Amino acid sequence: MAALTSLDTLPWLRWPLLLVALLLLLVLGIWGGLALWYQLPSPSWLRVVVIGAWSVLGLAALGALCDWLPSGVGEWTPAAFVLCLVTLLAWWTSIVPSHQRVWADDVAQMLESRVEGDQVTLTNVRNFTWRGEDDYDINWETRHYDLSQLRSADLVLSYWMGPAIAHTLVSFGFADGRRLVFSLEIRKEKGEAFSAIGGFFRQFETVIVAADESDIIRTRTNARGEDVYLYRLNLKPEQLRAVFLGYLDRAAELHGHPRFYNTLTSNCTTIVFELARSLSPTLPLDYRLLASGYFANYAFDHGGLVPGHGFAELKQAGHITARALATKPGDDFASAIRVSVPGISD
């Protein structure tokens, strides 16, 4: 490359710049290939062809930077790569989230709320009956809650991909024994399956689901075979109310303005952290916000779990999977899974 050759008078600068250029080219090449794979609306074979062409062009540009190509080819290859990159970025910015898709049954409806003082009316609360992961009865309900009767909140972690990755939910308890769970989830289209990598590439929209525990927790323990833990949160009455309403506010925002799910920045754990930080602005960032399987440890370290117990004790007593599997239709599921969980007397 002539530009790099001209730096021969500054040899100490040539190699650092070349290394930066090579790393940038590599990152852009990988990003572009994945973006095309997850978002290009075409048959798989055509995506492979397009990604192959993109990769060849990237390798050619890489060869030009390293002076591995004949001078005639080396002059135009980087320019061609930049032109394709600009086109790719223009296409990428045109991909926008939408509520108008054919959604999977369990995320087909969006939560709506009306708050009048202490009285809350929720529309589209999910209360499916799950017999298996793909065998269920669909049921969406309208429910009424009195915030003055809000008594507790529990952190629920459901492990489905090793100890470092868990789905994070928050369950609120009321004086009359009812419980309501909030969960930020990917809004899958029919036939889609979760992909952590796809979550970086605008594959899914985001939805907040409000559901009965016998639906959203039972489906994880009993239908999907996930390992689930429950911890009583250490929150004051005014904090319980603020977090509950915070979920409703974010559900309303999503209803008006669809957003993409992002595996790193907008997921089931980051929303809990955002709501917690609204109560305690000094809460620090931590790797456990990304490794969500350790989020309960983070909450414990910052006083978020019921006091008076060590974390190992809370985790062991909060392992609810066996108790959930032992329940039968008609049992009080919420009470059964909380037997011996520290801090729970309701």
Protein backbone atom coordinates (compact mmCIF):
# COMPACT_ATOMS: atom_id res chain seq x y z
CA MET A 1 0.00 0.00 0.00
CA ALA A 2 1.36 3.35 -1.03
CA ALA A 3 0.02 5.06 2.09
CA LEU A 4 1.90 2.69 4.34
CA THR A 5 4.99 2.69 2.14
CA SER A 6 5.15 6.47 2.51
CA LEU A 7 5.67 5.89 6.22
CA ASP A 8 9.07 4.34 5.58
CA THR A 9 10.57 7.58 6.81
CA LEU A 10 8.88 6.82 10.15
CA PRO A 11 9.45 3.05 10.51
CA TRP A 12 8.42 3.04 14.15
CA LEU A 13 4.93 4.25 13.12
CA ARG A 14 4.39 1.95 10.14
CA TRP A 15 3.93 -1.32 12.01
CA PRO A 16 1.60 -0.07 14.77
CA LEU A 17 -0.64 1.51 12.12
CA LEU A 18 -0.56 -1.65 10.04
CA LEU A 19 -1.51 -3.74 13.08
CA VAL A 20 -4.43 -1.42 13.91
CA ALA A 21 -5.62 -1.51 10.30
CA LEU A 22 -5.43 -5.30 10.18
CA LEU A 23 -7.35 -5.71 13.45
CA LEU A 24 -10.01 -3.24 12.32
CA LEU A 25 -10.36 -5.03 8.99
CA LEU A 26 -10.65 -8.38 10.77
CA VAL A 27 -13.33 -7.11 13.18
CA LEU A 28 -15.32 -5.47 10.39
CA GLY A 29 -15.07 -8.58 8.26
CA ILE A 30 -16.38 -10.86 11.02
CA TRP A 31 -19.10 -8.40 12.02
CA GLY A 32 -20.26 -8.01 8.42
CA GLY A 33 -20.39 -11.76 7.87
CA LEU A 34 -22.49 -12.35 10.99
CA ALA A 35 -24.77 -9.40 10.20
CA LEU A 36 -25.42 -10.85 6.74
CA TRP A 37 -26.04 -14.33 8.15
CA TYR A 38 -28.59 -13.23 10.74
CA GLN A 39 -30.35 -10.48 8.82
CA LEU A 40 -30.10 -11.04 5.06
CA PRO A 41 -33.64 -12.02 3.96
CA SER A 42 -32.72 -14.80 1.56
CA PRO A 43 -32.32 -18.60 1.38
CA SER A 44 -29.41 -20.04 3.31
CA TRP A 45 -27.46 -20.92 0.17
CA LEU A 46 -27.64 -17.33 -1.09
CA ARG A 47 -26.50 -16.00 2.28
CA VAL A 48 -23.52 -18.36 2.10
CA VAL A 49 -22.66 -17.04 -1.37
CA VAL A 50 -22.93 -13.39 -0.28
CA ILE A 51 -20.91 -14.00 2.90
CA GLY A 52 -18.31 -15.87 0.83
CA ALA A 53 -17.97 -12.91 -1.54
CA TRP A 54 -17.71 -10.52 1.42
CA SER A 55 -15.02 -12.71 3.01
CA VAL A 56 -12.99 -12.94 -0.21
CA LEU A 57 -13.12 -9.16 -0.59
CA GLY A 58 -12.05 -8.73 3.04
CA LEU A 59 -9.14 -11.14 2.58
CA ALA A 60 -8.12 -9.31 -0.58
CA ALA A 61 -8.16 -6.00 1.28
CA LEU A 62 -6.10 -7.65 4.01
CA GLY A 63 -3.61 -8.86 1.41
CA ALA A 64 -3.41 -5.38 -0.07
CA LEU A 65 -2.56 -3.87 3.32
CA CYS A 66 0.23 -6.41 3.73
CA ASP A 67 1.53 -5.81 0.15
CA TRP A 68 0.78 -9.42 -0.77
CA LEU A 69 -1.14 -8.53 -3.94
CA PRO A 70 0.07 -7.20 -7.29
CA SER A 71 0.11 -3.41 -7.34
CA GLY A 72 -2.80 -3.10 -9.76
CA VAL A 73 -5.09 -5.24 -7.60
CA GLY A 74 -3.79 -3.83 -4.35
CA GLU A 75 -4.79 -0.30 -5.33
CA TRP A 76 -8.51 -0.88 -5.86
CA THR A 77 -9.25 -3.70 -3.41
CA PRO A 78 -9.37 -1.56 -0.21
CA ALA A 79 -11.56 1.01 -1.96
CA ALA A 80 -13.95 -1.74 -3.05
CA PHE A 81 -14.08 -3.08 0.51
CA VAL A 82 -14.85 0.38 1.92
CA LEU A 83 -17.62 0.89 -0.66
CA CYS A 84 -19.18 -2.46 0.27
CA LEU A 85 -18.80 -1.64 3.96
CA VAL A 86 -20.64 1.69 3.52
CA THR A 87 -23.41 -0.15 1.64
CA LEU A 88 -23.58 -2.77 4.38
CA LEU A 89 -23.82 -0.11 7.10
CA ALA A 90 -26.57 1.73 5.21
CA TRP A 91 -28.53 -1.53 4.93
CA TRP A 92 -27.90 -2.28 8.62
CA THR A 93 -29.29 1.07 9.77
CA SER A 94 -32.43 0.41 7.72
CA ILE A 95 -33.29 -2.62 9.88
CA VAL A 96 -35.76 -1.37 12.47
CA PRO A 97 -37.72 -3.17 15.21
CA SER A 98 -41.40 -3.84 14.69
CA HIS A 99 -44.46 -5.12 16.47
CA GLN A 100 -45.91 -6.36 13.17
CA ARG A 101 -44.66 -9.91 12.89
CA VAL A 102 -46.11 -13.40 13.31
CA TRP A 103 -45.17 -14.00 16.93
CA ALA A 104 -44.78 -17.21 18.91
CA ASP A 105 -47.81 -17.90 21.13
CA ASP A 106 -46.10 -17.16 24.45
CA VAL A 107 -45.07 -13.63 23.37
CA ALA A 108 -47.94 -12.85 21.03
CA GLN A 109 -49.50 -10.22 23.33
CA MET A 110 -47.94 -7.15 24.91
CA LEU A 111 -48.57 -6.09 28.50
CA GLU A 112 -50.75 -3.02 28.94
CA SER A 113 -51.39 -1.23 32.22
CA ARG A 114 -53.57 1.45 33.77
CA VAL A 115 -52.55 2.93 37.14
CA GLU A 116 -54.97 4.99 39.21
CA GLY A 117 -53.46 5.67 42.62
CA ASP A 118 -52.94 2.27 44.24
CA GLN A 119 -55.18 0.48 41.77
CA VAL A 120 -53.51 -1.21 38.82
CA THR A 121 -55.26 -2.91 35.92
CA LEU A 122 -53.09 -5.15 33.76
CA THR A 123 -54.17 -6.46 30.38
CA ASN A 124 -52.51 -9.46 28.74
CA VAL A 125 -51.17 -11.20 31.83
CA ARG A 126 -50.03 -14.64 30.69
CA ASN A 127 -51.40 -17.69 32.46
CA PHE A 128 -50.72 -20.64 30.18
CA THR A 129 -51.07 -24.23 31.31
CA TRP A 130 -47.90 -26.06 30.27
CA ARG A 131 -47.81 -29.83 29.83
CA GLY A 132 -44.61 -29.74 27.79
CA GLU A 133 -42.48 -27.13 26.06
CA ASP A 134 -44.65 -27.36 22.94
CA ASP A 135 -47.85 -28.55 24.59
CA TYR A 136 -49.85 -25.84 26.34
CA ASP A 137 -53.20 -24.09 26.69
CA ILE A 138 -53.19 -20.40 25.74
CA ASN A 139 -54.71 -18.02 28.28
CA TRP A 140 -54.27 -14.24 28.50
CA GLU A 141 -56.00 -12.48 31.39
CA THR A 142 -56.91 -9.03 32.66
CA ARG A 143 -56.02 -8.65 36.33
CA HIS A 144 -56.43 -6.01 39.02
CA TYR A 145 -53.91 -5.33 41.79
CA ASP A 146 -53.81 -3.04 44.81
CA LEU A 147 -50.31 -1.63 45.29
CA SER A 148 -51.02 -0.91 48.95
CA GLN A 149 -51.16 -4.72 49.35
CA LEU A 150 -47.76 -5.30 47.76
CA ARG A 151 -45.68 -7.20 50.32
CA SER A 152 -42.62 -8.86 48.77
CA ALA A 153 -40.41 -9.46 45.77
CA ASP A 154 -38.32 -12.49 44.91
CA LEU A 155 -35.40 -12.79 42.53
CA VAL A 156 -35.65 -15.90 40.35
CA LEU A 157 -32.76 -17.27 38.29
CA SER A 158 -33.35 -20.04 35.78
CA TYR A 159 -30.25 -21.81 34.46
CA TRP A 160 -30.40 -23.22 30.96
CA MET A 161 -26.83 -23.01 29.61
CA GLY A 162 -24.28 -23.72 32.34
CA PRO A 163 -23.53 -21.93 35.61
CA ALA A 164 -22.67 -18.55 34.09
CA ILE A 165 -25.87 -17.97 32.13
CA ALA A 166 -29.34 -17.66 33.68
CA HIS A 167 -32.64 -16.02 32.88
CA THR A 168 -33.56 -13.38 35.47
CA LEU A 169 -37.12 -12.81 36.67
CA VAL A 170 -38.71 -10.86 39.54
CA SER A 171 -41.84 -12.14 41.29
CA PHE A 172 -44.01 -9.78 43.36
CA GLY A 173 -46.20 -11.02 46.21
CA PHE A 174 -49.42 -9.45 47.50
CA ALA A 175 -51.17 -9.70 50.86
CA ASP A 176 -53.91 -11.91 49.41
CA GLY A 177 -51.35 -14.55 48.37
CA ARG A 178 -51.33 -13.72 44.66
CA ARG A 179 -48.03 -13.36 42.86
CA LEU A 180 -47.07 -11.77 39.59
CA VAL A 181 -43.80 -12.31 37.72
CA PHE A 182 -42.14 -9.84 35.35
CA SER A 183 -39.65 -11.02 32.77
CA LEU A 184 -37.90 -9.23 29.93
CA GLU A 185 -37.70 -11.74 27.07
CA ILE A 186 -36.90 -12.01 23.42
CA ARG A 187 -40.01 -11.69 21.29
CA LYS A 188 -39.64 -14.74 19.09
CA GLU A 189 -41.39 -15.13 15.81
CA LYS A 190 -43.08 -18.46 15.14
CA GLY A 191 -40.43 -21.06 14.46
CA GLU A 192 -37.56 -19.00 15.90
CA ALA A 193 -35.26 -20.21 18.65
CA PHE A 194 -33.04 -18.17 20.95
CA SER A 195 -29.51 -17.45 19.78
CA ALA A 196 -27.06 -15.59 22.02
CA ILE A 197 -25.05 -14.54 18.95
CA GLY A 198 -28.20 -13.57 17.06
CA GLY A 199 -29.04 -11.36 20.02
CA PHE A 200 -26.12 -9.13 19.01
CA PHE A 201 -27.45 -8.78 15.46
CA ARG A 202 -31.02 -7.50 15.79
CA GLN A 203 -32.55 -10.94 15.38
CA PHE A 204 -35.16 -10.42 18.12
CA GLU A 205 -37.36 -7.69 19.46
CA THR A 206 -37.81 -7.21 23.22
CA VAL A 207 -40.98 -7.80 25.20
CA ILE A 208 -41.85 -7.60 28.90
CA VAL A 209 -44.04 -10.48 30.00
CA ALA A 210 -46.19 -10.40 33.14
CA ALA A 211 -47.27 -13.88 34.12
CA ASP A 212 -48.53 -16.13 36.85
CA GLU A 213 -45.86 -18.17 38.64
CA SER A 214 -47.57 -21.42 37.71
CA ASP A 215 -46.96 -20.40 34.11
CA ILE A 216 -43.61 -18.67 33.77
CA ILE A 217 -41.71 -20.50 36.52
CA ARG A 218 -43.38 -23.90 36.13
CA THR A 219 -42.61 -23.97 32.41
CA ARG A 220 -38.92 -23.59 33.24
CA THR A 221 -38.77 -26.19 36.01
CA ASN A 222 -41.29 -28.72 34.72
CA ALA A 223 -41.56 -28.29 30.95
CA ARG A 224 -38.04 -27.19 29.98
CA GLY A 225 -36.06 -28.96 32.69
CA GLU A 226 -34.13 -25.86 33.74
CA ASP A 227 -32.51 -25.45 37.15
CA VAL A 228 -34.25 -22.67 39.08
CA TYR A 229 -33.32 -20.74 42.23
CA LEU A 230 -35.46 -18.27 44.21
CA TYR A 231 -34.20 -15.61 46.63
CA ARG A 232 -36.21 -13.19 48.78
CA LEU A 233 -35.20 -9.61 47.98
CA ASN A 234 -34.48 -7.12 50.73
CA LEU A 235 -36.70 -4.21 49.65
CA LYS A 236 -38.69 -1.61 51.59
CA PRO A 237 -42.38 -1.07 50.74
CA GLU A 238 -41.67 2.09 48.75
CA GLN A 239 -38.93 0.28 46.85
CA LEU A 240 -41.25 -2.62 46.01
CA ARG A 241 -43.71 -0.17 44.56
CA ALA A 242 -41.03 1.67 42.58
CA VAL A 243 -39.68 -1.52 41.01
CA PHE A 244 -43.18 -2.81 40.18
CA LEU A 245 -44.12 0.47 38.51
CA GLY A 246 -40.72 0.55 36.82
CA TYR A 247 -41.56 -2.65 34.98
CA LEU A 248 -44.89 -1.18 33.91
CA ASP A 249 -43.19 1.98 32.66
CA ARG A 250 -40.75 0.00 30.56
CA ALA A 251 -43.51 -2.20 29.20
CA ALA A 252 -45.38 0.94 28.15
CA GLU A 253 -42.24 2.32 26.48
CA LEU A 254 -41.81 -0.90 24.51
CA HIS A 255 -45.47 -0.85 23.53
CA GLY A 256 -45.06 2.59 21.99
CA HIS A 257 -41.52 2.17 20.68
CA PRO A 258 -40.35 -1.35 19.78
CA ARG A 259 -36.73 -2.14 20.59
CA PHE A 260 -34.32 -4.86 19.66
CA TYR A 261 -33.09 -7.30 22.27
CA ASN A 262 -29.34 -7.15 22.78
CA THR A 263 -27.47 -10.01 24.44
CA LEU A 264 -25.09 -7.55 26.08
CA THR A 265 -26.90 -4.26 26.72
CA SER A 266 -30.66 -4.94 26.79
CA ASN A 267 -31.57 -8.24 28.40
CA CYS A 268 -33.37 -9.82 31.35
CA THR A 269 -30.60 -8.92 33.82
CA THR A 270 -29.80 -5.39 32.70
CA ILE A 271 -33.40 -4.30 33.30
CA VAL A 272 -33.22 -5.55 36.91
CA PHE A 273 -29.93 -3.68 37.35
CA GLU A 274 -31.41 -0.51 35.85
CA LEU A 275 -34.39 -0.63 38.20
CA ALA A 276 -32.12 -1.37 41.17
CA ARG A 277 -29.86 1.52 40.24
CA SER A 278 -32.84 3.86 40.15
CA LEU A 279 -33.19 3.03 43.87
CA SER A 280 -29.46 3.05 44.63
CA PRO A 281 -27.56 5.14 42.05
CA THR A 282 -24.15 4.13 43.43
CA LEU A 283 -24.52 0.46 42.47
CA PRO A 284 -21.38 -0.39 40.48
CA LEU A 285 -21.02 -2.12 37.16
CA ASP A 286 -19.79 -5.69 37.53
CA TYR A 287 -18.93 -8.68 35.36
CA ARG A 288 -21.83 -10.52 37.02
CA LEU A 289 -24.23 -8.29 35.13
CA LEU A 290 -22.99 -10.02 31.98
CA ALA A 291 -22.46 -13.47 33.51
CA SER A 292 -26.07 -13.47 34.69
CA GLY A 293 -25.75 -16.82 36.41
CA TYR A 294 -23.85 -15.01 39.17
CA PHE A 295 -26.28 -12.12 39.48
CA ALA A 296 -27.64 -13.43 42.80
CA ASN A 297 -24.09 -13.21 44.20
CA TYR A 298 -23.96 -9.60 43.04
CA ALA A 299 -27.29 -8.84 44.71
CA PHE A 300 -26.09 -10.50 47.93
CA ASP A 301 -22.83 -8.53 47.98
CA HIS A 302 -24.76 -5.25 47.74
CA GLY A 303 -27.41 -6.02 50.36
CA GLY A 304 -30.13 -6.92 47.91
CA LEU A 305 -31.04 -10.31 49.41
CA VAL A 306 -32.67 -11.06 52.75
CA PRO A 307 -30.09 -10.48 55.54
CA GLY A 308 -28.96 -12.85 58.28
CA HIS A 309 -27.88 -15.72 56.05
CA GLY A 310 -24.75 -16.62 54.09
CA PHE A 311 -25.01 -16.83 50.33
CA ALA A 312 -24.34 -20.57 50.24
CA GLU A 313 -27.29 -21.12 52.60
CA LEU A 314 -29.57 -18.87 50.52
CA LYS A 315 -28.62 -20.68 47.33
CA GLN A 316 -29.08 -24.16 48.73
CA ALA A 317 -32.45 -23.36 50.32
CA GLY A 318 -33.55 -21.40 47.27
CA HIS A 319 -33.10 -24.32 44.86
CA ILE A 320 -36.76 -24.87 43.99
CA THR A 321 -36.59 -27.30 41.06
CA ALA A 322 -37.29 -30.50 43.00
CA ARG A 323 -40.17 -28.88 44.89
CA ALA A 324 -41.66 -27.61 41.63
CA LEU A 325 -41.42 -31.03 39.99
CA ALA A 326 -43.21 -32.57 42.98
CA THR A 327 -46.28 -30.35 42.59
CA LYS A 328 -49.44 -31.65 40.99
CA PRO A 329 -52.28 -29.85 39.18
CA GLY A 330 -54.36 -28.03 41.78
CA ASP A 331 -51.48 -27.63 44.27
CA ASP A 332 -50.54 -24.19 45.55
CA PHE A 333 -47.46 -23.92 43.35
CA ALA A 334 -46.23 -20.60 44.77
CA SER A 335 -46.31 -21.86 48.37
CA ALA A 336 -44.81 -25.25 47.52
CA ILE A 337 -41.71 -23.86 45.85
CA ARG A 338 -41.05 -21.48 48.80
CA VAL A 339 -40.90 -24.10 51.54
CA SER A 340 -37.77 -23.44 53.66
CA VAL A 341 -36.65 -20.43 51.58
CA PRO A 342 -35.06 -17.95 54.04
CA GLY A 343 -36.92 -14.73 54.70
CA ILE A 344 -40.30 -16.01 53.55
CA SER A 345 -43.08 -16.09 56.09
CA ASP A 346 -46.00 -15.14 53.83
